[in-house]
């Protein structure tokens, strides 16, 4: 986002995933980078399970078809909500 640019102007190139509208939570911003769409990981997996997949199938489908796909420089991010302790544990 350049100085003087509004968020709606910067959001023009955001990549949205129509099949995951139920999991959209907003946009993520970082200094020196354009905003990207952000989706809730748990809501995505829950949606796949509601559509008839097992949890394992949903995770594999997400990893291969969503996380593993390239949507360009403004590829969406996927938020996994967790406590700090869990994040630190997973990191080690």
Protein backbone atom coordinates (compact mmCIF):
# COMPACT_ATOMS: atom_id res chain seq x y z
CA UNK A 1 0.00 0.00 0.00
CA UNK A 2 1.50 3.28 -1.01
CA UNK A 3 1.24 6.46 1.08
CA UNK A 4 -2.03 8.29 0.53
CA UNK A 5 -3.78 5.18 -0.85
CA UNK A 6 -7.02 4.16 0.81
CA UNK A 7 -7.63 0.56 1.86
CA UNK A 8 -10.39 0.18 -0.74
CA UNK A 9 -7.99 1.32 -3.48
CA UNK A 10 -5.33 -1.14 -2.29
CA UNK A 11 -7.88 -3.94 -2.07
CA UNK A 12 -8.59 -3.79 -5.81
CA UNK A 13 -6.23 -6.66 -6.64
CA UNK A 14 -7.16 -8.92 -3.73
CA UNK A 15 -7.66 -12.56 -4.76
CA UNK A 16 -10.97 -13.88 -3.43
CA UNK A 17 -11.88 -17.56 -3.44
CA UNK A 18 -15.62 -17.77 -4.25
CA UNK A 19 -16.04 -21.34 -3.00
CA UNK A 20 -14.75 -20.29 0.43
CA UNK A 21 -16.91 -17.22 1.06
CA UNK A 22 -18.19 -18.75 4.32
CA UNK A 23 -14.64 -18.73 5.72
CA UNK A 24 -13.61 -15.18 4.70
CA UNK A 25 -12.58 -13.15 7.76
CA UNK A 26 -11.10 -10.00 6.23
CA UNK A 27 -7.81 -8.76 4.88
CA UNK A 28 -4.26 -8.98 6.19
CA UNK A 29 -1.87 -6.07 5.90
CA UNK A 30 1.89 -5.82 6.37
CA UNK A 31 4.25 -2.91 5.96
CA UNK A 32 5.51 -2.71 2.40
CA UNK A 33 3.07 -5.30 1.04
CA UNK A 34 -0.33 -5.13 -0.60
CA UNK A 35 -3.30 -6.43 1.45
CA UNK A 36 -4.37 -10.04 0.91
CA UNK A 37 -7.62 -11.87 1.65
CA UNK A 38 -7.66 -13.92 4.83
CA UNK A 39 -9.67 -17.10 5.40
CA UNK A 40 -10.35 -19.07 8.59
CA UNK A 41 -8.67 -22.49 8.29
CA UNK A 42 -11.07 -24.21 10.71
CA UNK A 43 -14.13 -22.86 8.87
CA UNK A 44 -12.73 -24.13 5.56
CA UNK A 45 -12.16 -27.63 6.95
CA UNK A 46 -15.60 -27.63 8.65
CA UNK A 47 -17.19 -26.69 5.32
CA UNK A 48 -15.52 -29.58 3.52
CA UNK A 49 -16.63 -31.96 6.28
CA UNK A 50 -20.20 -30.64 6.01
CA UNK A 51 -20.02 -31.40 2.29
CA UNK A 52 -19.30 -35.06 3.10
CA UNK A 53 -15.52 -35.35 3.40
CA UNK A 54 -13.82 -37.00 6.36
CA UNK A 55 -11.50 -34.75 8.36
CA UNK A 56 -8.47 -36.41 6.74
CA UNK A 57 -9.93 -35.96 3.25
CA UNK A 58 -10.72 -32.32 4.02
CA UNK A 59 -7.18 -31.64 5.23
CA UNK A 60 -5.63 -33.33 2.19
CA UNK A 61 -7.98 -31.53 -0.20
CA UNK A 62 -7.15 -28.17 1.41
CA UNK A 63 -3.39 -28.77 1.37
CA UNK A 64 -3.30 -29.87 -2.26
CA UNK A 65 -6.04 -27.79 -3.92
CA UNK A 66 -6.02 -24.58 -1.91
CA UNK A 67 -2.79 -24.15 0.02
CA UNK A 68 -0.78 -25.84 -2.74
CA UNK A 69 -2.30 -23.74 -5.54
CA UNK A 70 -0.70 -20.54 -6.82
CA UNK A 71 -3.08 -17.61 -7.06
CA UNK A 72 -0.44 -14.99 -7.78
CA UNK A 73 1.46 -12.48 -5.70
CA UNK A 74 -1.62 -11.60 -3.67
CA UNK A 75 -2.42 -15.18 -2.74
CA UNK A 76 -4.78 -15.35 0.24
CA UNK A 77 -3.56 -16.31 3.70
CA UNK A 78 -5.18 -18.87 5.96
CA UNK A 79 -5.57 -18.20 9.67
CA UNK A 80 -5.28 -20.99 12.23
CA UNK A 81 -6.49 -19.68 15.58
CA UNK A 82 -4.54 -21.00 18.57
CA UNK A 83 -3.07 -20.03 21.91
CA UNK A 84 0.52 -18.76 22.03
CA UNK A 85 1.58 -21.92 23.85
CA UNK A 86 0.23 -24.12 21.06
CA UNK A 87 2.00 -22.05 18.40
CA UNK A 88 5.29 -22.29 20.27
CA UNK A 89 4.83 -26.03 20.76
CA UNK A 90 4.13 -26.58 17.06
CA UNK A 91 7.16 -24.49 16.11
CA UNK A 92 9.57 -26.69 18.07
